[in-house]
C-alpha atoms as a PDB file:
ATOM      1  CA  UNK A   1      54.310  98.267 108.794  1.00  0.00           C
ATOM      2  CA  UNK A   2      51.464 100.611 108.730  1.00  0.00           C
ATOM      3  CA  UNK A   3      51.908 104.198 107.086  1.00  0.00           C
ATOM      4  CA  UNK A   4      52.614 106.901 109.518  1.00  0.00           C
ATOM      5  CA  UNK A   5      50.651 109.878 110.094  1.00  0.00           C
ATOM      6  CA  UNK A   6      52.465 112.211 107.562  1.00  0.00           C
ATOM      7  CA  UNK A   7      51.950 109.510 104.824  1.00  0.00           C
ATOM      8  CA  UNK A   8      48.181 109.414 105.635  1.00  0.00           C
ATOM      9  CA  UNK A   9      47.832 113.160 105.661  1.00  0.00           C
ATOM     10  CA  UNK A  10      49.489 113.587 102.355  1.00  0.00           C
ATOM     11  CA  UNK A  11      46.859 111.608 100.548  1.00  0.00           C
ATOM     12  CA  UNK A  12      43.790 113.367 102.324  1.00  0.00           C
ATOM     13  CA  UNK A  13      41.265 115.409 100.541  1.00  0.00           C
ATOM     14  CA  UNK A  14      41.167 119.168 101.619  1.00  0.00           C
ATOM     15  CA  UNK A  15      37.713 120.292 101.695  1.00  0.00           C
ATOM     16  CA  UNK A  16      36.400 123.882 101.770  1.00  0.00           C
ATOM     17  CA  UNK A  17      32.689 124.647 102.762  1.00  0.00           C
ATOM     18  CA  UNK A  18      30.635 127.549 101.357  1.00  0.00           C
ATOM     19  CA  UNK A  19      27.027 128.357 102.053  1.00  0.00           C
ATOM     20  CA  UNK A  20      24.520 129.235  99.116  1.00  0.00           C
ATOM     21  CA  UNK A  21      23.597 132.514  98.399  1.00  0.00           C
ATOM     22  CA  UNK A  22      20.231 134.123  99.725  1.00  0.00           C
ATOM     23  CA  UNK A  23      17.128 132.472  98.504  1.00  0.00           C
ATOM     24  CA  UNK A  24      13.397 133.668  98.478  1.00  0.00           C
ATOM     25  CA  UNK A  25      12.688 131.844 101.732  1.00  0.00           C
ATOM     26  CA  UNK A  26      15.880 133.624 103.391  1.00  0.00           C
ATOM     27  CA  UNK A  27      14.369 137.047 102.624  1.00  0.00           C
ATOM     28  CA  UNK A  28      10.968 136.057 104.008  1.00  0.00           C
ATOM     29  CA  UNK A  29      12.728 134.277 107.240  1.00  0.00           C
ATOM     30  CA  UNK A  30      11.208 131.066 106.534  1.00  0.00           C
ATOM     31  CA  UNK A  31      12.716 127.728 107.615  1.00  0.00           C
ATOM     32  CA  UNK A  32      13.123 126.234 104.090  1.00  0.00           C
ATOM     33  CA  UNK A  33      14.641 122.704 104.650  1.00  0.00           C
ATOM     34  CA  UNK A  34      13.946 120.837 101.544  1.00  0.00           C
ATOM     35  CA  UNK A  35      11.827 123.494  99.933  1.00  0.00           C
ATOM     36  CA  UNK A  36      13.570 124.474  96.761  1.00  0.00           C
ATOM     37  CA  UNK A  37      12.960 128.184  95.941  1.00  0.00           C
ATOM     38  CA  UNK A  38      15.515 129.928  93.725  1.00  0.00           C
ATOM     39  CA  UNK A  39      18.202 132.330  94.678  1.00  0.00           C
ATOM     40  CA  UNK A  40      17.457 135.970  94.703  1.00  0.00           C
ATOM     41  CA  UNK A  41      19.435 138.563  92.723  1.00  0.00           C
ATOM     42  CA  UNK A  42      21.172 139.299  95.821  1.00  0.00           C
ATOM     43  CA  UNK A  43      21.940 135.559  96.233  1.00  0.00           C
ATOM     44  CA  UNK A  44      23.557 135.436  92.696  1.00  0.00           C
ATOM     45  CA  UNK A  45      25.545 138.451  93.505  1.00  0.00           C
ATOM     46  CA  UNK A  46      26.748 136.633  96.699  1.00  0.00           C
ATOM     47  CA  UNK A  47      27.953 133.650  94.573  1.00  0.00           C
ATOM     48  CA  UNK A  48      29.998 135.882  92.223  1.00  0.00           C
ATOM     49  CA  UNK A  49      31.384 137.644  95.387  1.00  0.00           C
ATOM     50  CA  UNK A  50      32.254 134.276  96.823  1.00  0.00           C
ATOM     51  CA  UNK A  51      34.042 133.348  93.453  1.00  0.00           C
ATOM     52  CA  UNK A  52      36.033 136.609  93.506  1.00  0.00           C
ATOM     53  CA  UNK A  53      36.988 135.930  97.158  1.00  0.00           C
ATOM     54  CA  UNK A  54      38.238 132.399  96.180  1.00  0.00           C
ATOM     55  CA  UNK A  55      40.093 134.064  93.403  1.00  0.00           C
ATOM     56  CA  UNK A  56      41.644 136.667  95.732  1.00  0.00           C
ATOM     57  CA  UNK A  57      42.850 133.933  98.143  1.00  0.00           C
ATOM     58  CA  UNK A  58      44.384 132.027  95.138  1.00  0.00           C
ATOM     59  CA  UNK A  59      42.503 128.891  96.017  1.00  0.00           C
ATOM     60  CA  UNK A  60      42.501 126.072  93.612  1.00  0.00           C
ATOM     61  CA  UNK A  61      39.971 123.409  93.368  1.00  0.00           C
ATOM     62  CA  UNK A  62      39.842 120.237  91.570  1.00  0.00           C
ATOM     63  CA  UNK A  63      35.916 119.793  91.818  1.00  0.00           C
ATOM     64  CA  UNK A  64      32.799 121.535  93.140  1.00  0.00           C
ATOM     65  CA  UNK A  65      30.106 119.435  94.844  1.00  0.00           C
ATOM     66  CA  UNK A  66      26.772 120.741  95.502  1.00  0.00           C
ATOM     67  CA  UNK A  67      23.409 119.624  97.242  1.00  0.00           C
ATOM     68  CA  UNK A  68      20.583 118.678  94.844  1.00  0.00           C
ATOM     69  CA  UNK A  69      18.682 121.741  95.873  1.00  0.00           C
ATOM     70  CA  UNK A  70      18.732 124.584  93.378  1.00  0.00           C
ATOM     71  CA  UNK A  71      19.987 127.148  95.729  1.00  0.00           C
ATOM     72  CA  UNK A  72      23.028 125.322  96.433  1.00  0.00           C
ATOM     73  CA  UNK A  73      23.451 124.031  92.928  1.00  0.00           C
ATOM     74  CA  UNK A  74      23.074 127.406  91.424  1.00  0.00           C
ATOM     75  CA  UNK A  75      25.596 129.000  93.843  1.00  0.00           C
ATOM     76  CA  UNK A  76      28.213 126.276  93.198  1.00  0.00           C
ATOM     77  CA  UNK A  77      27.463 126.595  89.366  1.00  0.00           C
ATOM     78  CA  UNK A  78      28.171 130.456  89.422  1.00  0.00           C
ATOM     79  CA  UNK A  79      31.304 129.747  91.387  1.00  0.00           C
ATOM     80  CA  UNK A  80      32.569 126.998  89.105  1.00  0.00           C
ATOM     81  CA  UNK A  81      31.782 128.947  85.988  1.00  0.00           C
ATOM     82  CA  UNK A  82      33.741 131.936  87.421  1.00  0.00           C
ATOM     83  CA  UNK A  83      36.734 129.655  88.239  1.00  0.00           C
ATOM     84  CA  UNK A  84      36.777 127.659  84.772  1.00  0.00           C
ATOM     85  CA  UNK A  85      35.743 124.595  86.529  1.00  0.00           C
ATOM     86  CA  UNK A  86      33.337 121.705  85.394  1.00  0.00           C
ATOM     87  CA  UNK A  87      29.793 121.997  86.187  1.00  0.00           C
ATOM     88  CA  UNK A  88      29.208 121.037  90.009  1.00  0.00           C
ATOM     89  CA  UNK A  89      28.761 117.477  90.970  1.00  0.00           C
ATOM     90  CA  UNK A  90      25.447 116.699  92.836  1.00  0.00           C
ATOM     91  CA  UNK A  91      25.853 114.672  95.891  1.00  0.00           C
ATOM     92  CA  UNK A  92      22.477 113.910  97.528  1.00  0.00           C
ATOM     93  CA  UNK A  93      23.942 113.562 101.051  1.00  0.00           C
ATOM     94  CA  UNK A  94      24.897 117.292 101.086  1.00  0.00           C
ATOM     95  CA  UNK A  95      20.998 118.199 100.937  1.00  0.00           C
ATOM     96  CA  UNK A  96      19.786 120.465 103.794  1.00  0.00           C
ATOM     97  CA  UNK A  97      18.094 118.645 106.690  1.00  0.00           C
ATOM     98  CA  UNK A  98      14.333 118.182 106.745  1.00  0.00           C
ATOM     99  CA  UNK A  99      12.650 120.168 109.152  1.00  0.00           C
ATOM    100  CA  UNK A 100       9.491 118.176 108.984  1.00  0.00           C
ATOM    101  CA  UNK A 101       6.329 120.072 110.042  1.00  0.00           C
ATOM    102  CA  UNK A 102       8.288 123.147 110.737  1.00  0.00           C
ATOM    103  CA  UNK A 103       9.322 123.337 106.990  1.00  0.00           C
ATOM    104  CA  UNK A 104       7.891 126.629 105.401  1.00  0.00           C
ATOM    105  CA  UNK A 105       7.074 128.187 108.597  1.00  0.00           C
ATOM    106  CA  UNK A 106       8.209 131.640 109.650  1.00  0.00           C
ATOM    107  CA  UNK A 107      11.118 131.032 111.888  1.00  0.00           C
ATOM    108  CA  UNK A 108       9.876 133.645 114.198  1.00  0.00           C
ATOM    109  CA  UNK A 109       6.579 131.706 114.596  1.00  0.00           C
ATOM    110  CA  UNK A 110       8.362 128.509 115.682  1.00  0.00           C
ATOM    111  CA  UNK A 111       7.895 128.568 119.405  1.00  0.00           C
ATOM    112  CA  UNK A 112       7.617 124.743 119.932  1.00  0.00           C
ATOM    113  CA  UNK A 113       9.365 122.546 122.629  1.00  0.00           C
ATOM    114  CA  UNK A 114      10.552 119.706 120.917  1.00  0.00           C
ATOM    115  CA  UNK A 115      12.747 116.619 121.504  1.00  0.00           C
ATOM    116  CA  UNK A 116      15.311 115.696 119.071  1.00  0.00           C
ATOM    117  CA  UNK A 117      16.242 111.924 119.064  1.00  0.00           C
ATOM    118  CA  UNK A 118      19.324 112.076 117.175  1.00  0.00           C
ATOM    119  CA  UNK A 119      22.834 110.497 116.591  1.00  0.00           C
ATOM    120  CA  UNK A 120      25.608 111.228 118.937  1.00  0.00           C
ATOM    121  CA  UNK A 121      27.671 113.595 116.496  1.00  0.00           C
ATOM    122  CA  UNK A 122      24.607 115.756 115.877  1.00  0.00           C
ATOM    123  CA  UNK A 123      23.971 115.978 119.828  1.00  0.00           C
ATOM    124  CA  UNK A 124      27.661 116.918 120.052  1.00  0.00           C
ATOM    125  CA  UNK A 125      27.238 119.604 117.262  1.00  0.00           C
ATOM    126  CA  UNK A 126      24.130 120.905 119.079  1.00  0.00           C
ATOM    127  CA  UNK A 127      25.899 120.988 122.469  1.00  0.00           C
ATOM    128  CA  UNK A 128      28.981 122.766 121.052  1.00  0.00           C
ATOM    129  CA  UNK A 129      26.855 125.526 119.470  1.00  0.00           C
ATOM    130  CA  UNK A 130      24.585 125.898 122.480  1.00  0.00           C
ATOM    131  CA  UNK A 131      27.395 126.215 124.883  1.00  0.00           C
ATOM    132  CA  UNK A 132      30.020 128.119 122.670  1.00  0.00           C
ATOM    133  CA  UNK A 133      32.522 125.252 123.402  1.00  0.00           C
ATOM    134  CA  UNK A 134      35.077 124.656 120.506  1.00  0.00           C
ATOM    135  CA  UNK A 135      34.315 121.561 118.497  1.00  0.00           C
ATOM    136  CA  UNK A 136      37.535 120.004 119.119  1.00  0.00           C
ATOM    137  CA  UNK A 137      37.104 120.138 122.853  1.00  0.00           C
ATOM    138  CA  UNK A 138      33.637 118.510 122.655  1.00  0.00           C
ATOM    139  CA  UNK A 139      34.950 115.705 120.611  1.00  0.00           C
ATOM    140  CA  UNK A 140      37.579 114.883 123.046  1.00  0.00           C
ATOM    141  CA  UNK A 141      35.808 115.923 126.446  1.00  0.00           C
ATOM    142  CA  UNK A 142      32.113 115.582 126.040  1.00  0.00           C
ATOM    143  CA  UNK A 143      30.471 112.160 126.027  1.00  0.00           C
ATOM    144  CA  UNK A 144      26.882 111.980 124.475  1.00  0.00           C
ATOM    145  CA  UNK A 145      25.821 108.499 125.611  1.00  0.00           C
ATOM    146  CA  UNK A 146      22.774 106.387 124.598  1.00  0.00           C
ATOM    147  CA  UNK A 147      19.667 107.875 126.017  1.00  0.00           C
ATOM    148  CA  UNK A 148      21.370 111.046 127.443  1.00  0.00           C
ATOM    149  CA  UNK A 149      19.437 114.280 126.999  1.00  0.00           C
ATOM    150  CA  UNK A 150      20.947 117.761 126.552  1.00  0.00           C
ATOM    151  CA  UNK A 151      18.903 120.873 127.112  1.00  0.00           C
ATOM    152  CA  UNK A 152      17.172 123.147 127.136  1.00  0.00           C
ATOM    153  CA  UNK A 153      18.961 124.501 124.143  1.00  0.00           C
ATOM    154  CA  UNK A 154      17.753 128.030 122.879  1.00  0.00           C
ATOM    155  CA  UNK A 155      17.586 128.439 119.176  1.00  0.00           C
ATOM    156  CA  UNK A 156      17.429 131.832 117.772  1.00  0.00           C
END
């Protein structure tokens, strides 16, 4: 007999997601992608503030994972140290997406019209964000079929 839903949920991992602190590209309005510039002093302060917020909420973590990029790893390391946890575990799949030829450009200067040939879930995420549709509704009601096109989508 297969396990029931409650048995399955009891053994699932709970994940919280936090964004890294401000880095030098963020200050300049640059689309950083895989660029690996360090956190600013404000970014380090934001990481310490995140750790305090976690403590205030009385959240307890068994592990901290981070992208291999310095801005994410340093944020995670500051939080882990403040919580008395081991050094973050680098997981390469958590890396920021690569923006290709747009990497390193001022976000305000990017005025291209592009076609993103992507996988279904990425298309669904973009659709949800562009239409302000709740993610759960997109998952159940929106079908993004092979060779379908969504757009135009305005990106701020």
